[in-house]
């Protein structure tokens, strides 16, 4: 568990003569899970066997030490890989192989740090081989991550060998389910470095439900202020419904044209609306925008807390590709969704929450599992003793929780190198698409509106200042916006999975598209069709988002698709097919 390397997770491939010190966190085999290392069997032989399986016979260890009390194994690894084997050549059809190989070579010259992420190429060939087998390019990781095959195999094997029952019973099968749930809570806290004495984990259906738990239970009153950034998911904006019902005022931090917030303006807004006891005030911050690619510095939430705000962090888009610590950046509550982190299981999210904050919340209702005693008929209700149980309505998804533990182990092994992988891919995609021109007029093929990375990453462990998505619109030869629905159709004909629209973030979309005035002119009952008719075009953008299994060949395929949109003949052919499909 946790953010350190795990014994069952491949480490970044090593350059020739490289040496690294690795710490492996070993977990007791409480629930019959198989692990390469065990608490009682750690040696140079077992470590070398693992390294040889991962890196080949040239990998070896020089030191192995075991500390049973903290369950940490440390060893030094040296590796002398064979020349020319550092990175695989990207796959391509025979007709395009030479072209993509040349582009890949030039890419490596410009972004040499990419070569430190070759373990992700191995992962692509083993756990995501279905992408290449189906010739699919998946660039919708912000919508949902892709699961690795090993996670499914480990989970189904675990389910097949054990008997699980409802966690609300006391049978052996129920105890095993409860044990898995407790282990998963511990794993979540460890992953985000949240002190177990201060935080607990409430399992929900998704991140939106986690946010709603806070919204419906927060003690808004007259004089309360809810502060939200405009560039936030609709699930965050929905909190205002509960606040308004209780007499609270909602204050928005304006979005910059590229999304996110201006830090100085955000602090000024928070200060002007600062809490005045006894009315509590809530600041809900989006850690990373799901449409503009902006990250909000966690220092802003620390500032809000210092002047009296309760704080809620929407980390659904942040957690899949970023390392951060709740020990260093304290928040009162944080919402996450696991399928966005590692693809499986869907239907499970969590609220990571401080126990002191949880005690301030008052549930507006109760359900099965949240109570010990209910007077019927009558008014008396005694809530469950465990704080997290008071907020977990009904039965939790106990059959999926063990997959979360394994998923966190899996993801934590790659998070240190993921920004080093995705930043150059995004920068290359950005520069390539920006240079595309129509073959008839020479006008740009796309207009990119999301926030770009500001610098190249050089070292493992460095974090990007933005996310890993690109929001754009396609333009026709005269400069008019091409319908997003056509772009999505055309992409699907080339086996490219992307997303179009406002991504449930109309504030961020309006800022990028320059439609803040039009947004202010909306009226009650307005439909999407009404709004688009007034605009004269479809609402939203095309979103390309990268993730764990993205590689250079995916980027090349997207560039080839965008290039075809700039060629009159190919675009018109796809347009005719699209019109025919709509009419048919």
Protein backbone atom coordinates (compact mmCIF):
# COMPACT_ATOMS: atom_id res chain seq x y z
CA UNK A 1 0.00 0.00 0.00
CA UNK A 2 0.92 3.64 -0.19
CA UNK A 3 2.84 5.78 -2.60
CA UNK A 4 6.09 3.82 -2.48
CA UNK A 5 7.00 1.06 -4.93
CA UNK A 6 5.20 -2.22 -4.32
CA UNK A 7 6.58 -5.71 -4.58
CA UNK A 8 4.02 -6.69 -7.20
CA UNK A 9 4.49 -3.55 -9.32
CA UNK A 10 7.20 -3.12 -12.00
CA UNK A 11 9.65 -0.33 -11.31
CA UNK A 12 10.89 2.12 -13.96
CA UNK A 13 13.37 0.49 -16.35
CA UNK A 14 17.00 1.24 -15.55
CA UNK A 15 19.62 2.74 -17.77
CA UNK A 16 22.99 1.05 -18.18
CA UNK A 17 25.05 1.00 -14.98
CA UNK A 18 22.15 2.65 -13.13
CA UNK A 19 21.73 2.03 -9.41
CA UNK A 20 18.71 2.83 -7.33
CA UNK A 21 17.64 2.13 -3.77
CA UNK A 22 14.17 0.61 -3.62
CA UNK A 23 11.88 0.22 -0.64
CA UNK A 24 9.21 -2.46 -0.84
CA UNK A 25 6.30 -2.26 1.57
CA UNK A 26 5.25 -5.77 2.52
CA UNK A 27 1.72 -6.47 3.71
CA UNK A 28 0.72 -9.51 5.80
CA UNK A 29 -1.20 -12.13 3.82
CA UNK A 30 -4.39 -11.67 5.83
CA UNK A 31 -6.94 -12.47 3.14
CA UNK A 32 -5.17 -15.18 1.13
CA UNK A 33 -3.70 -12.80 -1.42
CA UNK A 34 -0.55 -14.01 -3.10
CA UNK A 35 2.41 -11.65 -3.02
CA UNK A 36 5.90 -12.09 -4.45
CA UNK A 37 7.50 -11.20 -1.14
CA UNK A 38 6.21 -12.34 2.21
CA UNK A 39 7.03 -11.00 5.65
CA UNK A 40 9.03 -14.08 6.55
CA UNK A 41 10.83 -14.72 3.27
CA UNK A 42 12.93 -11.80 2.08
CA UNK A 43 16.36 -12.52 0.67
CA UNK A 44 18.76 -11.66 -2.14
CA UNK A 45 17.52 -14.77 -3.94
CA UNK A 46 13.85 -13.75 -3.89
CA UNK A 47 14.64 -10.14 -4.80
CA UNK A 48 16.91 -11.19 -7.67
CA UNK A 49 14.26 -13.57 -8.97
CA UNK A 50 11.80 -10.71 -9.12
CA UNK A 51 14.27 -8.37 -10.80
CA UNK A 52 15.30 -10.98 -13.37
CA UNK A 53 11.67 -11.57 -14.23
CA UNK A 54 11.15 -7.84 -14.67
CA UNK A 55 14.45 -6.58 -16.10
CA UNK A 56 16.24 -9.66 -17.42
CA UNK A 57 19.32 -11.49 -16.23
CA UNK A 58 21.45 -8.32 -16.21
CA UNK A 59 19.58 -6.95 -13.20
CA UNK A 60 20.94 -7.81 -9.78
CA UNK A 61 20.91 -6.59 -6.20
CA UNK A 62 23.84 -5.76 -4.01
CA UNK A 63 22.05 -5.23 -0.69
CA UNK A 64 18.91 -6.58 0.93
CA UNK A 65 17.78 -5.61 4.41
CA UNK A 66 14.50 -6.46 6.09
CA UNK A 67 12.78 -4.55 8.86
CA UNK A 68 9.91 -6.67 10.14
CA UNK A 69 8.40 -4.07 12.45
CA UNK A 70 7.75 -1.54 9.70
CA UNK A 71 7.40 -4.23 7.02
CA UNK A 72 9.84 -2.45 4.72
CA UNK A 73 12.40 -4.21 2.54
CA UNK A 74 15.25 -2.10 1.15
CA UNK A 75 17.59 -3.23 -1.61
CA UNK A 76 19.94 -1.67 -4.12
CA UNK A 77 19.41 -2.53 -7.76
CA UNK A 78 21.96 -2.27 -10.55
CA UNK A 79 21.17 -3.04 -14.15
CA UNK A 80 23.09 -3.29 -17.40
CA UNK A 81 20.46 -3.65 -20.13
CA UNK A 82 21.47 -4.71 -23.59
CA UNK A 83 22.08 -1.84 -26.03
CA UNK A 84 19.13 -0.91 -28.19
CA UNK A 85 16.55 -2.46 -25.87
CA UNK A 86 15.69 0.62 -23.83
CA UNK A 87 12.56 1.49 -25.78
CA UNK A 88 10.43 -0.56 -28.12
CA UNK A 89 9.75 0.69 -31.58
CA UNK A 90 6.13 1.87 -31.80
CA UNK A 91 3.86 -0.41 -33.76
CA UNK A 92 2.45 0.78 -37.06
CA UNK A 93 1.08 -0.62 -40.27
CA UNK A 94 3.71 -1.55 -42.83
CA UNK A 95 2.92 1.45 -45.01
CA UNK A 96 3.39 3.96 -42.18
CA UNK A 97 6.16 2.22 -40.23
CA UNK A 98 9.06 4.25 -41.60
CA UNK A 99 7.24 7.55 -41.15
CA UNK A 100 6.22 6.95 -37.55
CA UNK A 101 9.68 5.57 -36.73
CA UNK A 102 11.29 8.78 -37.98
CA UNK A 103 8.80 10.89 -36.02
CA UNK A 104 9.44 8.80 -32.91
CA UNK A 105 13.20 9.21 -33.27
CA UNK A 106 12.81 12.99 -33.57
CA UNK A 107 10.46 12.94 -30.59
CA UNK A 108 13.05 11.17 -28.44
CA UNK A 109 15.70 13.70 -29.45
CA UNK A 110 13.46 16.51 -28.23
CA UNK A 111 12.19 14.72 -25.12
CA UNK A 112 14.97 12.39 -23.88
CA UNK A 113 13.36 11.99 -20.47
CA UNK A 114 10.62 9.92 -22.12
CA UNK A 115 13.10 7.05 -22.28
CA UNK A 116 12.94 6.71 -18.48
CA UNK A 117 9.33 5.51 -18.81
CA UNK A 118 9.89 2.39 -20.92
CA UNK A 119 8.30 0.18 -18.25
CA UNK A 120 5.01 1.70 -19.40
CA UNK A 121 5.67 0.34 -22.89
CA UNK A 122 6.03 -3.10 -21.34
CA UNK A 123 2.77 -2.52 -19.46
CA UNK A 124 1.06 -1.50 -22.70
CA UNK A 125 2.14 -4.76 -24.38
CA UNK A 126 1.05 -6.96 -21.49
CA UNK A 127 -1.93 -5.40 -19.70
CA UNK A 128 -3.35 -3.18 -22.42
CA UNK A 129 -2.64 -5.31 -25.48
CA UNK A 130 -6.36 -5.20 -26.31
CA UNK A 131 -5.83 -1.66 -27.56
CA UNK A 132 -3.45 -2.80 -30.27
CA UNK A 133 -5.39 -5.98 -30.97
CA UNK A 134 -8.54 -3.95 -31.69
CA UNK A 135 -6.58 -1.10 -33.33
CA UNK A 136 -8.21 1.31 -30.87
CA UNK A 137 -6.80 4.68 -29.86
CA UNK A 138 -8.21 5.65 -26.47
CA UNK A 139 -7.87 9.32 -25.55
CA UNK A 140 -10.68 9.68 -23.03
CA UNK A 141 -8.86 8.87 -19.80
CA UNK A 142 -10.45 11.86 -18.10
CA UNK A 143 -13.80 10.18 -18.73
CA UNK A 144 -12.57 6.86 -17.38
CA UNK A 145 -9.23 5.09 -17.04
CA UNK A 146 -8.62 1.72 -18.69
CA UNK A 147 -8.17 -1.22 -16.35
CA UNK A 148 -5.04 -3.38 -16.53
CA UNK A 149 -5.61 -7.05 -17.19
CA UNK A 150 -3.62 -8.07 -14.12
CA UNK A 151 -6.06 -6.24 -11.87
CA UNK A 152 -9.01 -8.16 -13.28
CA UNK A 153 -7.19 -11.49 -13.05
CA UNK A 154 -6.12 -10.89 -9.45
CA UNK A 155 -9.61 -9.78 -8.43
CA UNK A 156 -11.54 -12.59 -10.09
CA UNK A 157 -9.08 -15.12 -8.66
CA UNK A 158 -9.57 -13.62 -5.21
CA UNK A 159 -13.36 -13.77 -5.51
CA UNK A 160 -13.27 -17.34 -6.82
CA UNK A 161 -11.29 -18.60 -3.83
CA UNK A 162 -13.22 -16.90 -1.02
CA UNK A 163 -16.78 -16.62 0.28
CA UNK A 164 -18.04 -13.10 1.00
CA UNK A 165 -21.19 -12.00 2.78
CA UNK A 166 -22.99 -8.77 3.62
CA UNK A 167 -20.85 -6.63 5.93
CA UNK A 168 -23.81 -6.05 8.26
CA UNK A 169 -23.75 -9.63 9.52
CA UNK A 170 -21.37 -11.48 11.87
CA UNK A 171 -20.82 -14.71 9.90
CA UNK A 172 -17.37 -15.75 8.74
CA UNK A 173 -18.15 -14.64 5.19
CA UNK A 174 -19.33 -11.27 6.47
CA UNK A 175 -16.26 -10.87 8.63
CA UNK A 176 -14.08 -11.47 5.59
CA UNK A 177 -15.98 -8.78 3.65
CA UNK A 178 -15.59 -6.37 6.56
CA UNK A 179 -11.89 -7.18 6.80
CA UNK A 180 -11.46 -6.37 3.09
CA UNK A 181 -13.34 -3.11 3.59
CA UNK A 182 -11.11 -2.13 6.51
CA UNK A 183 -7.97 -3.03 4.54
CA UNK A 184 -9.19 -0.91 1.65
CA UNK A 185 -9.82 2.08 3.92
CA UNK A 186 -6.28 1.71 5.21
CA UNK A 187 -4.95 1.48 1.67
CA UNK A 188 -6.77 4.66 0.61
CA UNK A 189 -5.47 6.59 3.60
CA UNK A 190 -1.95 5.31 2.96
CA UNK A 191 -2.06 6.20 -0.74
CA UNK A 192 -2.91 9.81 0.01
CA UNK A 193 -0.72 9.93 3.13
CA UNK A 194 -3.71 10.81 5.28
CA UNK A 195 -3.01 10.20 8.99
CA UNK A 196 -5.30 7.40 10.16
CA UNK A 197 -5.77 9.07 13.54
CA UNK A 198 -7.28 12.13 11.84
CA UNK A 199 -9.00 10.82 8.68
CA UNK A 200 -11.46 8.12 7.74
CA UNK A 201 -12.85 6.86 4.43
CA UNK A 202 -16.51 6.69 3.43
CA UNK A 203 -17.26 4.54 0.40
CA UNK A 204 -19.74 6.00 -2.07
CA UNK A 205 -21.03 5.25 -5.57
CA UNK A 206 -18.71 7.86 -7.14
CA UNK A 207 -17.07 11.22 -6.54
CA UNK A 208 -20.34 13.06 -7.17
CA UNK A 209 -22.06 11.12 -4.38
CA UNK A 210 -19.14 11.89 -2.07
CA UNK A 211 -19.59 15.61 -2.76
CA UNK A 212 -23.34 15.30 -2.23
CA UNK A 213 -22.77 13.71 1.19
CA UNK A 214 -21.03 16.88 2.31
CA UNK A 215 -23.51 19.19 0.56
CA UNK A 216 -26.64 17.70 2.11
CA UNK A 217 -25.14 17.38 5.59
CA UNK A 218 -23.27 20.67 5.89
CA UNK A 219 -24.88 23.08 8.36
CA UNK A 220 -25.46 26.06 6.04
CA UNK A 221 -27.38 28.93 7.61
CA UNK A 222 -28.17 32.58 6.94
CA UNK A 223 -24.86 34.36 6.81
CA UNK A 224 -23.05 31.29 5.43
CA UNK A 225 -21.04 31.58 2.23
CA UNK A 226 -20.26 28.86 -0.28
CA UNK A 227 -17.23 29.73 -2.42
CA UNK A 228 -16.71 27.83 -5.67
CA UNK A 229 -14.45 28.29 -8.69
CA UNK A 230 -16.32 28.78 -11.95
CA UNK A 231 -14.13 26.13 -13.56
CA UNK A 232 -15.66 23.24 -11.61
CA UNK A 233 -17.67 20.12 -12.32
CA UNK A 234 -21.46 20.35 -12.17
CA UNK A 235 -21.38 18.10 -9.10
CA UNK A 236 -19.57 20.91 -7.29
CA UNK A 237 -21.95 23.59 -8.55
CA UNK A 238 -24.84 21.46 -7.30
CA UNK A 239 -23.83 22.20 -3.70
CA UNK A 240 -25.37 25.65 -4.12
CA UNK A 241 -28.85 24.06 -4.17
CA UNK A 242 -28.42 22.90 -0.57
CA UNK A 243 -26.81 26.17 0.47
CA UNK A 244 -29.57 28.31 -1.03
CA UNK A 245 -32.24 26.19 0.67
CA UNK A 246 -30.69 27.09 4.03
CA UNK A 247 -30.14 30.78 3.28
CA UNK A 248 -26.45 30.67 2.28
CA UNK A 249 -24.90 32.86 -0.40
CA UNK A 250 -22.87 31.38 -3.26
CA UNK A 251 -19.81 33.33 -4.39
CA UNK A 252 -17.89 32.38 -7.51
CA UNK A 253 -14.19 32.78 -8.21
CA UNK A 254 -13.98 33.81 -11.89
CA UNK A 255 -12.19 31.57 -14.35
CA UNK A 256 -9.29 32.82 -16.43
CA UNK A 257 -9.65 32.52 -20.23
CA UNK A 258 -7.64 29.28 -20.08
CA UNK A 259 -9.48 27.98 -17.05
CA UNK A 260 -8.52 27.68 -13.42
CA UNK A 261 -8.27 30.70 -11.17
CA UNK A 262 -6.00 33.67 -10.75
CA UNK A 263 -4.39 32.97 -7.39
CA UNK A 264 -4.45 36.59 -6.19
CA UNK A 265 -8.07 37.08 -7.23
CA UNK A 266 -9.03 33.81 -5.57
CA UNK A 267 -7.46 34.86 -2.27
CA UNK A 268 -9.16 38.26 -2.45
CA UNK A 269 -12.54 36.58 -3.07
CA UNK A 270 -12.06 34.25 -0.13
CA UNK A 271 -11.00 37.09 2.12
CA UNK A 272 -13.98 39.31 1.21
CA UNK A 273 -16.41 36.47 1.97
CA UNK A 274 -14.53 35.11 4.97
CA UNK A 275 -16.55 33.36 7.69
CA UNK A 276 -18.17 35.41 10.39
CA UNK A 277 -19.19 33.13 13.26
CA UNK A 278 -21.50 31.57 14.03
CA UNK A 279 -22.39 30.99 10.33
CA UNK A 280 -20.09 28.35 8.84
CA UNK A 281 -18.62 28.83 5.36
CA UNK A 282 -17.47 26.22 2.86
CA UNK A 283 -14.79 26.52 0.18
CA UNK A 284 -15.02 23.81 -2.47
CA UNK A 285 -11.96 23.67 -4.70
CA UNK A 286 -11.38 21.75 -7.91
CA UNK A 287 -7.89 20.24 -7.80
CA UNK A 288 -7.70 19.83 -11.56
CA UNK A 289 -10.17 20.90 -14.21
CA UNK A 290 -11.64 18.15 -16.36
CA UNK A 291 -11.90 20.47 -19.37
CA UNK A 292 -9.38 23.35 -19.19
CA UNK A 293 -6.41 21.28 -17.94
CA UNK A 294 -5.74 23.76 -15.13
CA UNK A 295 -4.51 22.73 -11.71
CA UNK A 296 -5.31 24.80 -8.65
CA UNK A 297 -2.41 25.00 -6.15
CA UNK A 298 -3.31 23.17 -2.95
CA UNK A 299 -1.86 26.15 -1.09
CA UNK A 300 -5.12 27.98 -1.86
CA UNK A 301 -7.13 25.51 0.17
CA UNK A 302 -4.63 25.94 2.99
CA UNK A 303 -5.18 29.70 2.85
CA UNK A 304 -8.95 29.25 2.99
CA UNK A 305 -8.61 27.02 6.01
CA UNK A 306 -6.37 29.53 7.76
CA UNK A 307 -9.07 32.21 7.62
CA UNK A 308 -11.83 29.97 8.91
CA UNK A 309 -13.33 28.09 5.97
CA UNK A 310 -14.25 24.44 5.99
CA UNK A 311 -12.71 22.92 2.88
CA UNK A 312 -13.77 20.32 0.33
CA UNK A 313 -11.44 19.19 -2.47
CA UNK A 314 -12.77 17.67 -5.68
CA UNK A 315 -9.83 15.43 -6.59
CA UNK A 316 -11.58 13.21 -9.13
CA UNK A 317 -9.49 14.56 -12.02
CA UNK A 318 -6.36 15.18 -9.94
CA UNK A 319 -5.80 11.80 -8.30
CA UNK A 320 -5.29 9.62 -11.43
CA UNK A 321 -1.99 11.26 -12.45
CA UNK A 322 -0.74 13.27 -9.46
CA UNK A 323 1.01 12.54 -6.19
CA UNK A 324 -0.03 14.66 -3.22
CA UNK A 325 -0.17 14.24 0.51
CA UNK A 326 -3.02 15.06 2.89
CA UNK A 327 -0.42 15.19 5.63
CA UNK A 328 1.22 18.16 3.93
CA UNK A 329 -1.89 19.68 2.31
CA UNK A 330 -4.64 19.30 4.87
CA UNK A 331 -8.25 19.37 3.68
CA UNK A 332 -11.42 18.69 5.63
CA UNK A 333 -12.86 16.40 2.96
CA UNK A 334 -11.82 15.09 -0.46
CA UNK A 335 -13.88 13.33 -3.14
CA UNK A 336 -12.34 10.70 -5.46
CA UNK A 337 -13.53 8.10 -7.94
CA UNK A 338 -11.56 4.88 -8.37
CA UNK A 339 -12.46 4.02 -11.97
CA UNK A 340 -10.91 7.30 -13.01
CA UNK A 341 -7.71 6.28 -11.24
CA UNK A 342 -7.21 2.73 -12.52
CA UNK A 343 -10.30 1.74 -14.51
CA UNK A 344 -11.88 -0.88 -12.25
CA UNK A 345 -14.18 -1.13 -10.43
CA UNK A 346 -16.78 1.34 -11.62
CA UNK A 347 -19.49 2.35 -9.19
CA UNK A 348 -17.18 2.97 -6.24
CA UNK A 349 -15.88 6.32 -5.03
CA UNK A 350 -14.89 7.67 -1.66
CA UNK A 351 -14.97 10.65 0.63
CA UNK A 352 -11.66 10.93 2.48
CA UNK A 353 -12.62 13.07 5.42
CA UNK A 354 -11.32 14.40 8.72
CA UNK A 355 -13.15 12.91 11.66
CA UNK A 356 -13.50 16.31 13.33
CA UNK A 357 -15.21 17.66 10.22
CA UNK A 358 -17.45 14.63 9.93
CA UNK A 359 -18.78 15.26 13.43
CA UNK A 360 -19.99 18.69 12.29
CA UNK A 361 -22.17 17.21 9.56
CA UNK A 362 -25.81 16.28 10.18
CA UNK A 363 -27.44 13.68 7.96
CA UNK A 364 -30.87 14.74 6.63
CA UNK A 365 -32.04 11.12 6.71
CA UNK A 366 -30.98 7.64 7.75
CA UNK A 367 -30.84 4.32 5.95
CA UNK A 368 -29.99 0.69 6.47
CA UNK A 369 -26.49 0.36 7.87
CA UNK A 370 -26.27 3.91 9.21
CA UNK A 371 -28.20 3.32 12.44
CA UNK A 372 -28.19 1.07 15.49
CA UNK A 373 -31.70 1.81 16.81
CA UNK A 374 -34.80 3.21 15.11
CA UNK A 375 -38.04 3.82 17.00
CA UNK A 376 -41.04 2.82 14.87
CA UNK A 377 -43.42 4.55 15.19
CA UNK A 378 -41.66 7.45 16.84
CA UNK A 379 -38.79 9.91 16.40
CA UNK A 380 -35.85 8.29 18.17
CA UNK A 381 -32.82 7.31 16.08
CA UNK A 382 -29.41 6.18 17.32
CA UNK A 383 -26.77 6.31 14.59
CA UNK A 384 -24.08 3.67 14.16
CA UNK A 385 -21.07 3.88 16.44
CA UNK A 386 -18.44 4.06 13.66
CA UNK A 387 -18.39 7.50 12.03
CA UNK A 388 -17.98 6.18 8.50
CA UNK A 389 -20.94 3.83 8.95
CA UNK A 390 -23.21 6.79 9.64
CA UNK A 391 -22.64 8.00 6.08
CA UNK A 392 -22.59 4.72 4.13
CA UNK A 393 -26.22 4.30 3.14
CA UNK A 394 -27.28 0.70 2.67
CA UNK A 395 -24.74 -1.99 1.81
CA UNK A 396 -21.36 -0.94 0.45
CA UNK A 397 -20.00 -2.55 -2.72
CA UNK A 398 -18.10 -5.14 -0.68
CA UNK A 399 -17.29 -7.45 -3.59
CA UNK A 400 -15.30 -4.71 -5.34
CA UNK A 401 -13.31 -3.27 -2.46
CA UNK A 402 -10.39 -5.69 -2.66
CA UNK A 403 -9.86 -4.57 -6.26
CA UNK A 404 -9.34 -1.03 -4.98
CA UNK A 405 -6.54 -2.17 -2.69
CA UNK A 406 -4.80 -3.91 -5.58
CA UNK A 407 -5.52 -1.00 -7.91
CA UNK A 408 -3.85 1.46 -5.57
CA UNK A 409 -0.78 -0.77 -5.35
CA UNK A 410 -0.71 -0.96 -9.12
CA UNK A 411 -1.12 2.78 -9.71
CA UNK A 412 1.31 3.89 -7.01
CA UNK A 413 4.13 2.02 -8.73
CA UNK A 414 3.74 4.13 -11.88
CA UNK A 415 2.69 7.54 -10.54
CA UNK A 416 6.29 8.75 -10.06
CA UNK A 417 7.07 8.30 -13.78
CA UNK A 418 3.65 9.08 -15.25
CA UNK A 419 4.11 12.88 -15.58
CA UNK A 420 7.47 12.25 -17.24
CA UNK A 421 5.61 10.09 -19.75
CA UNK A 422 2.53 12.19 -20.42
CA UNK A 423 4.02 15.70 -20.45
CA UNK A 424 6.14 15.16 -23.59
CA UNK A 425 3.27 13.34 -25.30
CA UNK A 426 0.95 16.26 -24.59
CA UNK A 427 3.53 18.86 -25.64
CA UNK A 428 4.23 17.01 -28.89
CA UNK A 429 0.51 16.66 -29.63
CA UNK A 430 0.02 20.33 -28.85
CA UNK A 431 2.76 21.58 -31.16
CA UNK A 432 1.81 19.18 -33.97
CA UNK A 433 -1.88 20.08 -33.98
CA UNK A 434 -1.12 23.79 -33.70
CA UNK A 435 0.86 23.63 -36.94
CA UNK A 436 -1.81 21.93 -39.06
CA UNK A 437 -3.23 23.95 -41.96
CA UNK A 438 -6.05 23.39 -44.46
CA UNK A 439 -4.82 22.33 -47.88
CA UNK A 440 -7.18 24.76 -49.65
CA UNK A 441 -6.80 28.03 -47.69
CA UNK A 442 -3.85 27.56 -45.37
CA UNK A 443 -6.08 28.39 -42.39
CA UNK A 444 -5.54 26.57 -39.06
CA UNK A 445 -7.29 23.22 -38.70
CA UNK A 446 -7.76 23.51 -34.93
CA UNK A 447 -7.89 26.10 -32.19
CA UNK A 448 -6.51 24.88 -28.86
CA UNK A 449 -7.99 26.55 -25.80
CA UNK A 450 -6.89 24.55 -22.75
CA UNK A 451 -3.88 25.35 -20.60
CA UNK A 452 -0.53 23.97 -21.86
CA UNK A 453 2.33 22.58 -19.75
CA UNK A 454 4.74 25.38 -18.91
CA UNK A 455 7.96 23.35 -18.79
CA UNK A 456 9.60 20.07 -19.72
CA UNK A 457 10.01 17.54 -16.95
CA UNK A 458 13.46 16.02 -16.54
CA UNK A 459 13.37 13.70 -13.55
CA UNK A 460 11.32 10.87 -12.13
CA UNK A 461 9.03 12.18 -9.42
CA UNK A 462 8.57 15.67 -10.85
CA UNK A 463 4.96 16.83 -11.01
CA UNK A 464 3.34 18.69 -13.88
CA UNK A 465 1.81 22.13 -13.30
CA UNK A 466 -1.22 21.11 -15.39
CA UNK A 467 -3.13 17.96 -16.26
CA UNK A 468 -2.79 15.83 -19.38
CA UNK A 469 -5.66 16.83 -21.62
CA UNK A 470 -6.12 19.04 -24.61
CA UNK A 471 -9.38 20.90 -25.34
CA UNK A 472 -9.85 22.26 -28.84
CA UNK A 473 -12.30 22.92 -31.61
CA UNK A 474 -11.91 22.00 -35.27
CA UNK A 475 -12.28 24.76 -37.86
CA UNK A 476 -13.32 24.63 -41.49
CA UNK A 477 -11.21 26.34 -44.21
CA UNK A 478 -13.06 29.64 -43.58
CA UNK A 479 -12.38 29.58 -39.85
CA UNK A 480 -15.87 28.53 -38.71
CA UNK A 481 -16.30 25.88 -36.05
CA UNK A 482 -16.91 22.36 -37.34
CA UNK A 483 -19.70 20.60 -35.37
CA UNK A 484 -18.31 18.56 -32.50
CA UNK A 485 -20.77 15.77 -33.29
CA UNK A 486 -19.20 15.43 -36.75
CA UNK A 487 -15.70 15.33 -35.25
CA UNK A 488 -16.75 12.60 -32.83
CA UNK A 489 -18.31 10.57 -35.66
CA UNK A 490 -15.27 11.01 -37.92
CA UNK A 491 -12.93 9.97 -35.09
CA UNK A 492 -14.98 6.84 -34.40
CA UNK A 493 -14.60 5.74 -38.03
CA UNK A 494 -10.85 5.72 -37.41
CA UNK A 495 -11.18 3.85 -34.10
CA UNK A 496 -10.34 6.89 -31.98
CA UNK A 497 -12.23 7.24 -28.70
CA UNK A 498 -12.46 10.88 -27.65
CA UNK A 499 -15.12 13.05 -26.07
CA UNK A 500 -16.95 16.21 -27.07
CA UNK A 501 -19.22 18.67 -25.26
CA UNK A 502 -18.89 20.66 -22.03
CA UNK A 503 -17.76 17.64 -19.96
CA UNK A 504 -20.24 18.61 -17.20
CA UNK A 505 -18.18 21.79 -16.72
CA UNK A 506 -20.07 24.65 -18.34
CA UNK A 507 -18.13 27.28 -16.38
CA UNK A 508 -14.76 26.16 -17.73
CA UNK A 509 -16.17 25.69 -21.23
CA UNK A 510 -17.72 29.16 -21.23
CA UNK A 511 -14.44 30.73 -20.13
CA UNK A 512 -12.43 29.05 -22.89
CA UNK A 513 -15.04 29.71 -25.57
CA UNK A 514 -15.49 33.34 -24.51
CA UNK A 515 -19.19 32.88 -23.70
CA UNK A 516 -19.44 34.31 -20.19
CA UNK A 517 -21.87 37.03 -21.33
CA UNK A 518 -24.06 34.50 -23.12
CA UNK A 519 -24.06 32.39 -19.98
CA UNK A 520 -25.40 35.32 -17.97
CA UNK A 521 -28.32 35.67 -20.41
CA UNK A 522 -29.70 32.18 -19.77
CA UNK A 523 -33.26 31.97 -18.46
CA UNK A 524 -35.26 29.41 -16.49
CA UNK A 525 -36.34 26.49 -18.61
CA UNK A 526 -33.80 27.09 -21.38
CA UNK A 527 -32.79 23.91 -23.22
CA UNK A 528 -29.48 22.98 -24.79
CA UNK A 529 -31.12 23.24 -28.21
CA UNK A 530 -32.30 26.78 -27.41
CA UNK A 531 -28.85 27.84 -26.27
CA UNK A 532 -27.08 26.33 -29.29
CA UNK A 533 -29.59 27.93 -31.64
CA UNK A 534 -28.76 31.34 -30.17
CA UNK A 535 -25.02 30.68 -30.39
CA UNK A 536 -25.26 29.46 -33.96
CA UNK A 537 -23.14 26.38 -33.30
CA UNK A 538 -22.85 23.38 -30.98
CA UNK A 539 -21.77 24.02 -27.43
CA UNK A 540 -18.55 22.58 -26.12
CA UNK A 541 -15.14 21.40 -27.24
CA UNK A 542 -13.28 18.28 -28.35
CA UNK A 543 -11.33 16.76 -25.46
CA UNK A 544 -8.28 14.54 -25.86
CA UNK A 545 -7.06 13.18 -22.53
CA UNK A 546 -4.06 10.94 -21.89
CA UNK A 547 -3.45 8.29 -19.27
CA UNK A 548 -1.43 5.35 -18.03
CA UNK A 549 -1.39 3.31 -21.25
CA UNK A 550 -0.96 6.21 -23.70
CA UNK A 551 2.03 5.94 -26.01
CA UNK A 552 3.59 7.73 -28.95
CA UNK A 553 1.70 5.72 -31.53
CA UNK A 554 -1.62 6.89 -30.04
CA UNK A 555 -0.48 10.49 -30.44
CA UNK A 556 0.63 9.84 -34.00
CA UNK A 557 -2.78 8.37 -34.86
CA UNK A 558 -4.57 11.41 -33.45
CA UNK A 559 -2.31 13.72 -35.47
CA UNK A 560 -3.05 11.69 -38.61
CA UNK A 561 -6.78 12.03 -37.95
CA UNK A 562 -6.53 15.79 -37.44
CA UNK A 563 -4.44 16.04 -40.62
CA UNK A 564 -7.22 14.30 -42.56
CA UNK A 565 -9.66 16.93 -41.29
CA UNK A 566 -7.52 19.54 -43.00
CA UNK A 567 -7.70 17.80 -46.37
CA UNK A 568 -10.73 18.88 -48.36
CA UNK A 569 -11.33 15.58 -50.10
CA UNK A 570 -11.12 13.35 -47.05
CA UNK A 571 -13.14 15.74 -44.88
CA UNK A 572 -15.92 16.02 -47.43
CA UNK A 573 -16.06 12.25 -47.77
CA UNK A 574 -16.43 11.84 -44.00
CA UNK A 575 -19.00 14.66 -43.95
CA UNK A 576 -21.14 12.87 -46.53
CA UNK A 577 -20.96 9.66 -44.50
CA UNK A 578 -21.94 11.55 -41.34
CA UNK A 579 -24.92 13.26 -42.98
CA UNK A 580 -26.03 9.91 -44.36
CA UNK A 581 -25.81 8.26 -40.96
CA UNK A 582 -27.91 11.01 -39.38
CA UNK A 583 -30.55 10.85 -42.09
CA UNK A 584 -30.62 7.06 -41.93
